[in-house]
């Protein structure tokens, strides 16, 4: 479960906002099910920041969102940031795709575009190929005489959660500068 938030930050508060956001990430990392977070500014000088945080499911997310720690952290940042959009996402779109958004106010700006599909494809392949290869070698000693459908079933049942919760988030973070870079 991914939460995407657009927050407006005054230029003079940028350094404080970064420290505030880092403190929130550090705090969230101590909650069960926390999978990571990140933030990006659409362009230099923009007052809008796009922030993501991700938990392994709705229950873990609710525990974080309803916690006293998070509420105190949000209160501490209330003079630094203004939330303009909040969107809950599920699945891989939480890392790549532009969501259908709900504006908190009518002045909310558009979000940056999702990376081109070909870049998404490259990043997914860079995660998928070594994972598939490793699982193939790992399972070969005991599944070599199984029918093809059974080998594929075993591989995909193992690979899907690994890709969703572990590998794709890390690979996406690694390639985030390339994914979000635009031609000048």
Foldseek 3Di string as FASTA:
>chain_A
DKKKWKKFFDPVLVVVVVVLVVVLQVVLVPFPFWQDKDKDDLDPPGRIIIIMTDGPDDVSVVCSVPDPVNVVSCVVCVVGIDTFWMDDDDFPCSLFQDDDTDTPDPPDDGDDGGFPPVVVVVLLCVQPVVLLVVLCVVCCVPCVPPPPVVSVVVSCVVVVVCCTRPRSVVSSVVCVVVRSDDDD
